[in-house]
Amino acid sequence: MTKRNFTLNSIGKWTVFYIGLICAVFFFVFPIFWIVTTSLKHRVDVYTEKPVLLFSVTWQNYQRIFELHDFGRYLLNSFIVATSVTLIIVYFGALAAYALTRWRIKGYNWVSLAIISARMFPPIALLPSFFLFASRIGIVDTRRVLIFAHATYGLPFIVFMLAGFFRQIPRDLDDAALIDGCSYFRLFNWIILPSVAPGLAATAILSFIWSWNEFLFALVLTRASSKTLPVVIS
């Protein structure tokens, strides 16, 4: 009897859990579903008083965006900038984080504080320096200036975030590889980086989303040909 009650209680708990999970998924996914379906409706169906569940799908809205507003070029700009920034700051951030966590550096706490403090400056405080630098070397209104600005501003946070993942890897792994004749280059690229793959994936996702959504640098440092989606949509 007790075993049966325990089984029923377990089934009841899991049932409540899955019902709550389904409700949570519906709560977060439904707005996205509504946006996508609205974009596929005709204008008459969008502005009707009662929601239309069954409607004829049209791609004219997307076609109009790409034809009239050169949406494809701005989409490509955002993708190139965000991808380049992600690759640069994740790899070089991993190098810096590995060095900070593996070698004894005098004033380690001050170095760590300086790195994370650089991320605390508001972007608008750094814009004049970025703009003057870009103007002097002639890269205003190019993807390169956005990549440089995003990488410079985002690198400190990536170093701070990856340092926590590198601390979880025992140093015995490094010593064993070096004793076997592995160079530091091969140690870092073939052994250490695969060991922190989840951390690299997490930081890559964060850096890509941040660079994709960044607005202020793109607004000031670009004019026409290198604009990104957030600037154009605004």
C-alpha atoms as a PDB file:
ATOM      1  CA  MET A   1       0.000   0.000   0.000  1.00  0.00           C
ATOM      2  CA  THR A   2       2.817   2.331   0.907  1.00  0.00           C
ATOM      3  CA  LYS A   3       4.656   1.538  -2.325  1.00  0.00           C
ATOM      4  CA  ARG A   4       1.520   2.224  -4.338  1.00  0.00           C
ATOM      5  CA  ASN A   5       0.997   5.567  -2.599  1.00  0.00           C
ATOM      6  CA  PHE A   6       4.628   6.454  -3.259  1.00  0.00           C
ATOM      7  CA  THR A   7       4.180   5.633  -6.951  1.00  0.00           C
ATOM      8  CA  LEU A   8       1.002   7.696  -7.197  1.00  0.00           C
ATOM      9  CA  ASN A   9       2.680  10.623  -5.451  1.00  0.00           C
ATOM     10  CA  SER A  10       5.633  10.409  -7.832  1.00  0.00           C
ATOM     11  CA  ILE A  11       3.329  10.325 -10.855  1.00  0.00           C
ATOM     12  CA  GLY A  12       1.388  13.282  -9.492  1.00  0.00           C
ATOM     13  CA  LYS A  13       4.547  15.324  -8.910  1.00  0.00           C
ATOM     14  CA  TRP A  14       5.904  14.602 -12.383  1.00  0.00           C
ATOM     15  CA  THR A  15       2.523  15.391 -13.929  1.00  0.00           C
ATOM     16  CA  VAL A  16       2.434  18.772 -12.210  1.00  0.00           C
ATOM     17  CA  PHE A  17       6.051  19.388 -13.234  1.00  0.00           C
ATOM     18  CA  TYR A  18       5.419  18.663 -16.912  1.00  0.00           C
ATOM     19  CA  ILE A  19       2.230  20.711 -16.942  1.00  0.00           C
ATOM     20  CA  GLY A  20       4.123  23.645 -15.464  1.00  0.00           C
ATOM     21  CA  LEU A  21       6.941  23.126 -17.967  1.00  0.00           C
ATOM     22  CA  ILE A  22       4.508  23.118 -20.892  1.00  0.00           C
ATOM     23  CA  CYS A  23       2.874  26.303 -19.598  1.00  0.00           C
ATOM     24  CA  ALA A  24       6.271  27.986 -19.235  1.00  0.00           C
ATOM     25  CA  VAL A  25       7.303  26.989 -22.763  1.00  0.00           C
ATOM     26  CA  PHE A  26       3.996  28.257 -24.132  1.00  0.00           C
ATOM     27  CA  PHE A  27       4.412  31.540 -22.227  1.00  0.00           C
ATOM     28  CA  PHE A  28       7.833  32.212 -23.756  1.00  0.00           C
ATOM     29  CA  VAL A  29       7.290  30.748 -27.233  1.00  0.00           C
ATOM     30  CA  PHE A  30       3.832  32.159 -27.989  1.00  0.00           C
ATOM     31  CA  PRO A  31       5.012  35.789 -28.485  1.00  0.00           C
ATOM     32  CA  ILE A  32       7.581  34.572 -31.021  1.00  0.00           C
ATOM     33  CA  PHE A  33       4.927  32.470 -32.741  1.00  0.00           C
ATOM     34  CA  TRP A  34       2.592  35.483 -32.850  1.00  0.00           C
ATOM     35  CA  ILE A  35       5.271  37.738 -34.366  1.00  0.00           C
ATOM     36  CA  VAL A  36       6.171  35.209 -37.060  1.00  0.00           C
ATOM     37  CA  THR A  37       2.565  34.494 -38.021  1.00  0.00           C
ATOM     38  CA  THR A  38       1.743  38.208 -38.097  1.00  0.00           C
ATOM     39  CA  SER A  39       4.620  38.832 -40.494  1.00  0.00           C
ATOM     40  CA  LEU A  40       3.132  36.230 -42.855  1.00  0.00           C
ATOM     41  CA  LYS A  41      -0.350  37.776 -42.909  1.00  0.00           C
ATOM     42  CA  HIS A  42      -1.884  40.217 -45.338  1.00  0.00           C
ATOM     43  CA  ARG A  43      -2.426  43.715 -44.018  1.00  0.00           C
ATOM     44  CA  VAL A  44      -6.198  43.172 -43.900  1.00  0.00           C
ATOM     45  CA  ASP A  45      -5.759  40.172 -41.605  1.00  0.00           C
ATOM     46  CA  VAL A  46      -3.353  42.066 -39.342  1.00  0.00           C
ATOM     47  CA  TYR A  47      -5.649  45.030 -38.654  1.00  0.00           C
ATOM     48  CA  THR A  48      -8.882  43.097 -38.256  1.00  0.00           C
ATOM     49  CA  GLU A  49     -10.665  43.421 -34.907  1.00  0.00           C
ATOM     50  CA  LYS A  50     -10.823  39.677 -34.254  1.00  0.00           C
ATOM     51  CA  PRO A  51      -7.629  37.583 -34.477  1.00  0.00           C
ATOM     52  CA  VAL A  52      -7.512  35.461 -37.605  1.00  0.00           C
ATOM     53  CA  LEU A  53      -6.204  31.964 -36.913  1.00  0.00           C
ATOM     54  CA  LEU A  54      -6.625  30.598 -40.438  1.00  0.00           C
ATOM     55  CA  PHE A  55      -5.176  32.903 -43.087  1.00  0.00           C
ATOM     56  CA  SER A  56      -3.464  32.779 -46.459  1.00  0.00           C
ATOM     57  CA  VAL A  57       0.309  33.003 -46.117  1.00  0.00           C
ATOM     58  CA  THR A  58       2.087  35.803 -47.986  1.00  0.00           C
ATOM     59  CA  TRP A  59       5.792  36.565 -48.363  1.00  0.00           C
ATOM     60  CA  GLN A  60       5.235  40.077 -49.696  1.00  0.00           C
ATOM     61  CA  ASN A  61       6.228  41.700 -46.406  1.00  0.00           C
ATOM     62  CA  TYR A  62       9.679  40.099 -46.476  1.00  0.00           C
ATOM     63  CA  GLN A  63      10.032  40.734 -50.183  1.00  0.00           C
ATOM     64  CA  ARG A  64       9.224  44.418 -49.697  1.00  0.00           C
ATOM     65  CA  ILE A  65      11.847  44.758 -46.954  1.00  0.00           C
ATOM     66  CA  PHE A  66      14.625  43.242 -49.059  1.00  0.00           C
ATOM     67  CA  GLU A  67      13.690  45.187 -52.210  1.00  0.00           C
ATOM     68  CA  LEU A  68      12.997  48.662 -50.803  1.00  0.00           C
ATOM     69  CA  HIS A  69      15.357  48.944 -47.825  1.00  0.00           C
ATOM     70  CA  ASP A  70      18.412  46.900 -48.896  1.00  0.00           C
ATOM     71  CA  PHE A  71      17.784  44.697 -45.885  1.00  0.00           C
ATOM     72  CA  GLY A  72      20.119  41.967 -47.101  1.00  0.00           C
ATOM     73  CA  ARG A  73      23.217  44.183 -46.998  1.00  0.00           C
ATOM     74  CA  TYR A  74      22.549  45.342 -43.446  1.00  0.00           C
ATOM     75  CA  LEU A  75      21.833  41.772 -42.381  1.00  0.00           C
ATOM     76  CA  LEU A  76      25.162  40.711 -43.879  1.00  0.00           C
ATOM     77  CA  ASN A  77      26.951  43.571 -42.094  1.00  0.00           C
ATOM     78  CA  SER A  78      25.553  42.495 -38.737  1.00  0.00           C
ATOM     79  CA  PHE A  79      26.472  38.866 -39.343  1.00  0.00           C
ATOM     80  CA  ILE A  80      30.046  39.621 -40.444  1.00  0.00           C
ATOM     81  CA  VAL A  81      30.686  42.003 -37.550  1.00  0.00           C
ATOM     82  CA  ALA A  82      29.157  39.757 -34.890  1.00  0.00           C
ATOM     83  CA  THR A  83      30.921  36.632 -36.174  1.00  0.00           C
ATOM     84  CA  SER A  84      34.310  38.348 -36.454  1.00  0.00           C
ATOM     85  CA  VAL A  85      34.024  39.887 -32.999  1.00  0.00           C
ATOM     86  CA  THR A  86      33.018  36.554 -31.487  1.00  0.00           C
ATOM     87  CA  LEU A  87      35.960  34.681 -33.007  1.00  0.00           C
ATOM     88  CA  ILE A  88      38.463  37.362 -32.001  1.00  0.00           C
ATOM     89  CA  ILE A  89      37.454  38.005 -28.413  1.00  0.00           C
ATOM     90  CA  VAL A  90      36.718  34.383 -27.531  1.00  0.00           C
ATOM     91  CA  TYR A  91      40.134  33.151 -28.698  1.00  0.00           C
ATOM     92  CA  PHE A  92      42.215  36.042 -27.372  1.00  0.00           C
ATOM     93  CA  GLY A  93      40.093  36.190 -24.240  1.00  0.00           C
ATOM     94  CA  ALA A  94      40.829  32.505 -23.702  1.00  0.00           C
ATOM     95  CA  LEU A  95      44.562  33.185 -24.084  1.00  0.00           C
ATOM     96  CA  ALA A  96      44.440  35.968 -21.502  1.00  0.00           C
ATOM     97  CA  ALA A  97      42.265  34.001 -19.092  1.00  0.00           C
ATOM     98  CA  TYR A  98      44.546  30.959 -19.355  1.00  0.00           C
ATOM     99  CA  ALA A  99      47.625  33.069 -18.634  1.00  0.00           C
ATOM    100  CA  LEU A 100      45.991  34.731 -15.632  1.00  0.00           C
ATOM    101  CA  THR A 101      44.920  31.435 -14.096  1.00  0.00           C
ATOM    102  CA  ARG A 102      48.078  29.414 -14.809  1.00  0.00           C
ATOM    103  CA  TRP A 103      51.024  31.728 -14.149  1.00  0.00           C
ATOM    104  CA  ARG A 104      51.808  33.551 -10.938  1.00  0.00           C
ATOM    105  CA  ILE A 105      51.660  37.224 -11.796  1.00  0.00           C
ATOM    106  CA  LYS A 106      52.698  39.947  -9.383  1.00  0.00           C
ATOM    107  CA  GLY A 107      49.717  42.079  -8.543  1.00  0.00           C
ATOM    108  CA  TYR A 108      47.294  39.475  -9.882  1.00  0.00           C
ATOM    109  CA  ASN A 109      44.361  41.000  -8.012  1.00  0.00           C
ATOM    110  CA  TRP A 110      45.128  44.450  -9.404  1.00  0.00           C
ATOM    111  CA  VAL A 111      45.456  43.086 -12.925  1.00  0.00           C
ATOM    112  CA  SER A 112      42.115  41.301 -12.612  1.00  0.00           C
ATOM    113  CA  LEU A 113      40.511  44.454 -11.220  1.00  0.00           C
ATOM    114  CA  ALA A 114      41.911  46.534 -14.082  1.00  0.00           C
ATOM    115  CA  ILE A 115      40.572  44.095 -16.670  1.00  0.00           C
ATOM    116  CA  ILE A 116      37.042  44.014 -15.311  1.00  0.00           C
ATOM    117  CA  SER A 117      37.079  47.773 -14.580  1.00  0.00           C
ATOM    118  CA  ALA A 118      37.662  48.460 -18.262  1.00  0.00           C
ATOM    119  CA  ARG A 119      34.229  46.951 -18.919  1.00  0.00           C
ATOM    120  CA  MET A 120      32.604  49.316 -16.439  1.00  0.00           C
ATOM    121  CA  PHE A 121      33.185  52.410 -18.577  1.00  0.00           C
ATOM    122  CA  PRO A 122      29.981  53.463 -20.356  1.00  0.00           C
ATOM    123  CA  PRO A 123      30.264  53.063 -24.127  1.00  0.00           C
ATOM    124  CA  ILE A 124      29.564  56.741 -24.730  1.00  0.00           C
ATOM    125  CA  ALA A 125      32.708  57.658 -22.769  1.00  0.00           C
ATOM    126  CA  LEU A 126      34.847  55.667 -25.215  1.00  0.00           C
ATOM    127  CA  LEU A 127      33.147  56.838 -28.401  1.00  0.00           C
ATOM    128  CA  PRO A 128      35.226  60.037 -28.923  1.00  0.00           C
ATOM    129  CA  SER A 129      38.464  58.046 -28.754  1.00  0.00           C
ATOM    130  CA  PHE A 130      37.184  55.404 -31.143  1.00  0.00           C
ATOM    131  CA  PHE A 131      35.885  58.022 -33.573  1.00  0.00           C
ATOM    132  CA  LEU A 132      39.121  60.057 -33.595  1.00  0.00           C
ATOM    133  CA  PHE A 133      41.198  56.916 -34.053  1.00  0.00           C
ATOM    134  CA  ALA A 134      38.993  55.693 -36.901  1.00  0.00           C
ATOM    135  CA  SER A 135      39.016  59.124 -38.584  1.00  0.00           C
ATOM    136  CA  ARG A 136      42.804  59.387 -38.545  1.00  0.00           C
ATOM    137  CA  ILE A 137      43.391  55.988 -40.122  1.00  0.00           C
ATOM    138  CA  GLY A 138      40.416  56.303 -42.486  1.00  0.00           C
ATOM    139  CA  ILE A 139      38.194  53.425 -41.404  1.00  0.00           C
ATOM    140  CA  VAL A 140      35.037  55.351 -40.471  1.00  0.00           C
ATOM    141  CA  ASP A 141      31.929  53.764 -42.012  1.00  0.00           C
ATOM    142  CA  THR A 142      33.595  50.361 -42.401  1.00  0.00           C
ATOM    143  CA  ARG A 143      33.018  47.014 -40.765  1.00  0.00           C
ATOM    144  CA  ARG A 144      36.582  47.085 -39.441  1.00  0.00           C
ATOM    145  CA  VAL A 145      35.935  49.971 -37.079  1.00  0.00           C
ATOM    146  CA  LEU A 146      32.903  48.212 -35.613  1.00  0.00           C
ATOM    147  CA  ILE A 147      34.856  44.985 -35.181  1.00  0.00           C
ATOM    148  CA  PHE A 148      37.653  46.896 -33.454  1.00  0.00           C
ATOM    149  CA  ALA A 149      35.277  48.813 -31.168  1.00  0.00           C
ATOM    150  CA  HIS A 150      33.209  45.771 -30.218  1.00  0.00           C
ATOM    151  CA  ALA A 151      36.286  43.618 -29.610  1.00  0.00           C
ATOM    152  CA  THR A 152      37.958  46.268 -27.471  1.00  0.00           C
ATOM    153  CA  TYR A 153      34.897  46.847 -25.341  1.00  0.00           C
ATOM    154  CA  GLY A 154      33.811  43.207 -25.037  1.00  0.00           C
ATOM    155  CA  LEU A 155      37.178  41.534 -24.412  1.00  0.00           C
ATOM    156  CA  PRO A 156      37.488  42.321 -20.658  1.00  0.00           C
ATOM    157  CA  PHE A 157      34.182  40.643 -19.830  1.00  0.00           C
ATOM    158  CA  ILE A 158      35.120  37.557 -21.862  1.00  0.00           C
ATOM    159  CA  VAL A 159      38.443  37.280 -19.990  1.00  0.00           C
ATOM    160  CA  PHE A 160      36.666  37.585 -16.658  1.00  0.00           C
ATOM    161  CA  MET A 161      34.079  34.978 -17.627  1.00  0.00           C
ATOM    162  CA  LEU A 162      36.503  32.425 -19.082  1.00  0.00           C
ATOM    163  CA  ALA A 163      38.873  32.671 -16.121  1.00  0.00           C
ATOM    164  CA  GLY A 164      36.297  30.882 -13.991  1.00  0.00           C
ATOM    165  CA  PHE A 165      36.206  27.940 -16.411  1.00  0.00           C
ATOM    166  CA  PHE A 166      39.999  27.645 -16.604  1.00  0.00           C
ATOM    167  CA  ARG A 167      40.281  27.539 -12.814  1.00  0.00           C
ATOM    168  CA  GLN A 168      38.241  24.329 -12.809  1.00  0.00           C
ATOM    169  CA  ILE A 169      40.848  22.501 -14.917  1.00  0.00           C
ATOM    170  CA  PRO A 170      43.571  20.913 -12.724  1.00  0.00           C
ATOM    171  CA  ARG A 171      47.131  22.008 -13.422  1.00  0.00           C
ATOM    172  CA  ASP A 172      48.179  18.366 -13.396  1.00  0.00           C
ATOM    173  CA  LEU A 173      46.726  18.145 -16.896  1.00  0.00           C
ATOM    174  CA  ASP A 174      49.158  20.825 -18.083  1.00  0.00           C
ATOM    175  CA  ASP A 175      52.114  19.208 -16.334  1.00  0.00           C
ATOM    176  CA  ALA A 176      51.340  15.779 -17.775  1.00  0.00           C
ATOM    177  CA  ALA A 177      51.122  17.156 -21.308  1.00  0.00           C
ATOM    178  CA  LEU A 178      54.357  19.142 -20.958  1.00  0.00           C
ATOM    179  CA  ILE A 179      56.215  16.130 -19.556  1.00  0.00           C
ATOM    180  CA  ASP A 180      55.115  14.115 -22.594  1.00  0.00           C
ATOM    181  CA  GLY A 181      56.742  16.727 -24.829  1.00  0.00           C
ATOM    182  CA  CYS A 182      53.706  18.805 -25.748  1.00  0.00           C
ATOM    183  CA  SER A 183      54.422  22.451 -26.575  1.00  0.00           C
ATOM    184  CA  TYR A 184      52.459  25.262 -24.985  1.00  0.00           C
ATOM    185  CA  PHE A 185      50.784  25.988 -28.322  1.00  0.00           C
ATOM    186  CA  ARG A 186      49.554  22.419 -28.741  1.00  0.00           C
ATOM    187  CA  LEU A 187      48.693  22.205 -25.044  1.00  0.00           C
ATOM    188  CA  PHE A 188      46.448  25.234 -25.268  1.00  0.00           C
ATOM    189  CA  ASN A 189      44.788  24.500 -28.607  1.00  0.00           C
ATOM    190  CA  TRP A 190      44.453  20.719 -28.460  1.00  0.00           C
ATOM    191  CA  ILE A 191      43.984  19.983 -24.756  1.00  0.00           C
ATOM    192  CA  ILE A 192      42.909  23.045 -22.781  1.00  0.00           C
ATOM    193  CA  LEU A 193      40.414  24.563 -25.216  1.00  0.00           C
ATOM    194  CA  PRO A 194      38.469  21.294 -25.752  1.00  0.00           C
ATOM    195  CA  SER A 195      38.336  20.897 -21.968  1.00  0.00           C
ATOM    196  CA  VAL A 196      36.519  24.230 -21.601  1.00  0.00           C
ATOM    197  CA  ALA A 197      34.276  23.784 -24.652  1.00  0.00           C
ATOM    198  CA  PRO A 198      31.056  24.516 -22.682  1.00  0.00           C
ATOM    199  CA  GLY A 199      32.552  27.762 -21.403  1.00  0.00           C
ATOM    200  CA  LEU A 200      33.696  28.748 -24.878  1.00  0.00           C
ATOM    201  CA  ALA A 201      30.228  28.044 -26.259  1.00  0.00           C
ATOM    202  CA  ALA A 202      28.560  30.122 -23.540  1.00  0.00           C
ATOM    203  CA  THR A 203      30.883  33.092 -24.018  1.00  0.00           C
ATOM    204  CA  ALA A 204      30.609  32.839 -27.803  1.00  0.00           C
ATOM    205  CA  ILE A 205      26.815  32.991 -27.635  1.00  0.00           C
ATOM    206  CA  LEU A 206      26.893  35.971 -25.272  1.00  0.00           C
ATOM    207  CA  SER A 207      29.448  37.870 -27.348  1.00  0.00           C
ATOM    208  CA  PHE A 208      27.588  37.192 -30.606  1.00  0.00           C
ATOM    209  CA  ILE A 209      24.253  38.364 -29.174  1.00  0.00           C
ATOM    210  CA  TRP A 210      25.841  41.470 -27.659  1.00  0.00           C
ATOM    211  CA  SER A 211      27.648  42.423 -30.870  1.00  0.00           C
ATOM    212  CA  TRP A 212      24.545  41.725 -32.966  1.00  0.00           C
ATOM    213  CA  ASN A 213      22.334  43.943 -30.787  1.00  0.00           C
ATOM    214  CA  GLU A 214      24.875  46.726 -30.133  1.00  0.00           C
ATOM    215  CA  PHE A 215      23.503  50.096 -31.210  1.00  0.00           C
ATOM    216  CA  LEU A 216      25.578  53.063 -30.008  1.00  0.00           C
ATOM    217  CA  PHE A 217      28.911  52.231 -31.647  1.00  0.00           C
ATOM    218  CA  ALA A 218      27.179  51.330 -34.913  1.00  0.00           C
ATOM    219  CA  LEU A 219      25.166  54.560 -34.870  1.00  0.00           C
ATOM    220  CA  VAL A 220      28.171  56.862 -34.444  1.00  0.00           C
ATOM    221  CA  LEU A 221      30.938  55.009 -36.290  1.00  0.00           C
ATOM    222  CA  THR A 222      29.001  54.089 -39.452  1.00  0.00           C
ATOM    223  CA  ARG A 223      27.181  56.178 -42.024  1.00  0.00           C
ATOM    224  CA  ALA A 224      25.519  54.225 -44.836  1.00  0.00           C
ATOM    225  CA  SER A 225      27.283  51.243 -46.340  1.00  0.00           C
ATOM    226  CA  SER A 226      28.331  49.632 -43.044  1.00  0.00           C
ATOM    227  CA  LYS A 227      25.196  50.126 -40.967  1.00  0.00           C
ATOM    228  CA  THR A 228      23.952  47.167 -38.970  1.00  0.00           C
ATOM    229  CA  LEU A 229      20.393  46.002 -38.412  1.00  0.00           C
ATOM    230  CA  PRO A 230      19.758  47.706 -35.033  1.00  0.00           C
ATOM    231  CA  VAL A 231      20.573  51.111 -36.552  1.00  0.00           C
ATOM    232  CA  VAL A 232      18.477  50.533 -39.672  1.00  0.00           C
ATOM    233  CA  ILE A 233      15.483  49.155 -37.791  1.00  0.00           C
ATOM    234  CA  SER A 234      15.503  52.056 -35.348  1.00  0.00           C
END
